[in-house]
Amino acid sequence: MRMAALMRHAEPQPAPPERSIHDDRNRTLTDLGRRQAQAARDWLNGLAPVAVICSDAPRCIETARIAGAPLAPHVVPDLGGLRLGVWERRPLAAMSREIVRLVRGEIPAPAGAETAGELLARAREALRAALPPAGNVLVVAHRLTNAV
């Protein structure tokens, strides 16, 4: 039986207080995050993946390199988080409730943003295209991407 292990990235560096989604994408792992990724590697040892696939966020790439070693990660940008269009540069703290409502489908997506359904379609297609023809895989992405 073929398996895909979905893993959220390990602990990233703290976000700036007024961070936006745009700022958030560039964070790397903390020392604890690197230890978490190593612990995940040890825990996933029996999976024996033939491929490691991850989003293009630095924290996902770093997690994938550690947890999926010795395999080099295959970076797939479309496994990134929800695209928020014109909301990208707004502080997350000021719009966290709006993001929840957007994901639930309670409000329309702002200009240039996507719905949770569109994220699902994008991530599913990207993952299908990146999967090797056989063997187990480790996928390192983001909370919402993994959830859909």
Protein backbone atom coordinates (compact mmCIF):
# COMPACT_ATOMS: atom_id res chain seq x y z
CA MET A 1 0.00 0.00 0.00
CA ARG A 2 1.28 3.47 -0.93
CA MET A 3 1.34 6.17 1.79
CA ALA A 4 1.67 9.93 1.83
CA ALA A 5 2.62 11.48 5.16
CA LEU A 6 1.39 15.08 5.41
CA MET A 7 3.46 17.20 7.75
CA ARG A 8 3.14 20.82 8.75
CA HIS A 9 6.43 22.70 8.82
CA ALA A 10 8.29 22.76 12.12
CA GLU A 11 8.37 25.83 14.40
CA PRO A 12 9.40 28.96 12.47
CA GLN A 13 11.08 32.10 13.74
CA PRO A 14 8.66 34.47 15.52
CA ALA A 15 6.70 36.68 13.21
CA PRO A 16 7.05 40.44 13.42
CA PRO A 17 4.17 41.96 15.44
CA GLU A 18 2.64 43.74 12.44
CA ARG A 19 3.43 40.95 10.00
CA SER A 20 1.50 40.44 6.82
CA ILE A 21 1.07 37.21 4.88
CA HIS A 22 3.76 38.51 2.53
CA ASP A 23 6.21 38.98 5.44
CA ASP A 24 5.23 35.66 6.98
CA ARG A 25 6.36 33.60 3.99
CA ASN A 26 10.07 34.23 4.52
CA ARG A 27 10.48 32.86 8.04
CA THR A 28 12.98 30.05 8.69
CA LEU A 29 13.06 27.51 11.53
CA THR A 30 14.09 28.09 15.12
CA ASP A 31 16.52 25.73 16.86
CA LEU A 32 13.47 24.02 18.35
CA GLY A 33 11.98 23.76 14.85
CA ARG A 34 15.12 22.03 13.59
CA ARG A 35 14.94 19.59 16.51
CA GLN A 36 11.24 18.98 15.73
CA ALA A 37 12.10 18.22 12.09
CA GLN A 38 14.82 15.80 13.23
CA ALA A 39 12.35 14.11 15.61
CA ALA A 40 9.88 13.82 12.72
CA ARG A 41 12.61 12.21 10.62
CA ASP A 42 13.21 9.65 13.34
CA TRP A 43 9.48 9.04 13.73
CA LEU A 44 8.96 8.70 9.95
CA ASN A 45 11.90 6.32 9.57
CA GLY A 46 9.61 3.36 8.78
CA LEU A 47 7.86 5.29 6.00
CA ALA A 48 10.90 4.95 3.72
CA PRO A 49 9.79 7.70 1.34
CA VAL A 50 10.99 7.72 -2.25
CA ALA A 51 10.28 11.45 -2.51
CA VAL A 52 9.93 14.53 -0.32
CA ILE A 53 7.64 17.25 -1.64
CA CYS A 54 7.23 20.69 -0.06
CA SER A 55 5.93 24.21 -0.55
CA ASP A 56 8.36 26.96 -1.48
CA ALA A 57 8.23 28.66 1.93
CA PRO A 58 11.71 28.63 3.52
CA ARG A 59 10.35 27.00 6.72
CA CYS A 60 8.82 24.16 4.65
CA ILE A 61 11.98 23.65 2.61
CA GLU A 62 14.13 23.56 5.75
CA THR A 63 11.74 21.14 7.48
CA ALA A 64 11.68 18.92 4.38
CA ARG A 65 15.48 18.87 4.09
CA ILE A 66 15.84 17.72 7.69
CA ALA A 67 12.83 15.40 8.02
CA GLY A 68 13.28 13.89 4.57
CA ALA A 69 17.07 13.45 4.60
CA PRO A 70 18.89 12.08 2.74
CA LEU A 71 16.39 12.88 -0.02
CA ALA A 72 16.44 16.40 -1.46
CA PRO A 73 13.01 18.06 -1.38
CA HIS A 74 11.08 18.65 -4.57
CA VAL A 75 9.80 22.23 -4.15
CA VAL A 76 6.25 22.78 -5.41
CA PRO A 77 5.15 26.44 -5.14
CA ASP A 78 1.46 25.56 -5.53
CA LEU A 79 1.54 23.77 -2.17
CA GLY A 80 1.82 27.20 -0.54
CA GLY A 81 -0.84 28.61 1.74
CA LEU A 82 -4.05 30.41 0.92
CA ARG A 83 -3.54 33.28 -1.51
CA LEU A 84 -5.11 36.43 -0.13
CA GLY A 85 -4.80 38.86 -3.04
CA VAL A 86 -5.20 42.48 -1.91
CA TRP A 87 -5.11 41.32 1.71
CA GLU A 88 -1.50 40.09 1.34
CA ARG A 89 0.10 43.18 2.86
CA ARG A 90 -2.45 43.83 5.60
CA PRO A 91 -1.38 42.91 9.15
CA LEU A 92 -2.60 39.40 10.01
CA ALA A 93 -3.76 40.49 13.44
CA ALA A 94 -6.17 42.95 11.85
CA MET A 95 -7.77 40.36 9.58
CA SER A 96 -7.56 36.98 11.29
CA ARG A 97 -11.36 36.84 11.77
CA GLU A 98 -11.88 37.77 8.12
CA ILE A 99 -9.57 34.94 7.02
CA VAL A 100 -11.57 32.45 9.10
CA ARG A 101 -14.80 33.73 7.53
CA LEU A 102 -13.24 33.50 4.06
CA VAL A 103 -12.15 29.89 4.65
CA ARG A 104 -15.64 29.00 5.91
CA GLY A 105 -17.15 30.54 2.77
CA GLU A 106 -19.06 33.18 4.74
CA ILE A 107 -17.62 36.11 2.79
CA PRO A 108 -16.43 36.44 -0.82
CA ALA A 109 -12.73 36.33 -1.59
CA PRO A 110 -11.15 39.77 -2.00
CA ALA A 111 -9.67 40.75 -5.36
CA GLY A 112 -6.88 38.38 -6.35
CA ALA A 113 -7.55 35.97 -3.45
CA GLU A 114 -8.74 32.39 -3.56
CA THR A 115 -11.36 30.46 -1.64
CA ALA A 116 -10.62 27.31 0.36
CA GLY A 117 -12.11 25.33 -2.54
CA GLU A 118 -9.70 26.97 -4.96
CA LEU A 119 -6.80 26.23 -2.60
CA LEU A 120 -7.93 22.60 -2.51
CA ALA A 121 -8.04 22.37 -6.30
CA ARG A 122 -4.63 24.07 -6.67
CA ALA A 123 -2.91 21.95 -4.02
CA ARG A 124 -4.49 18.70 -5.20
CA GLU A 125 -3.41 19.29 -8.80
CA ALA A 126 0.10 20.32 -7.74
CA LEU A 127 0.47 17.26 -5.54
CA ARG A 128 -0.79 14.91 -8.24
CA ALA A 129 1.70 16.35 -10.71
CA ALA A 130 4.60 16.04 -8.23
CA LEU A 131 3.92 12.51 -6.99
CA PRO A 132 6.30 9.82 -8.22
CA PRO A 133 4.67 6.85 -9.99
CA ALA A 134 5.21 4.56 -6.99
CA GLY A 135 6.43 4.58 -3.40
CA ASN A 136 5.71 6.46 -0.21
CA VAL A 137 6.05 10.25 0.01
CA LEU A 138 6.59 12.88 2.66
CA VAL A 139 4.74 16.16 2.00
CA VAL A 140 5.68 19.24 4.02
CA ALA A 141 3.30 22.16 3.69
CA HIS A 142 1.12 24.49 5.76
CA ARG A 143 -1.75 23.87 8.17
CA LEU A 144 -4.57 24.93 5.84
CA THR A 145 -2.98 23.33 2.75
CA ASN A 146 -2.71 20.02 4.59
CA ALA A 147 -6.24 20.34 5.94
CA VAL A 148 -7.89 20.72 2.56
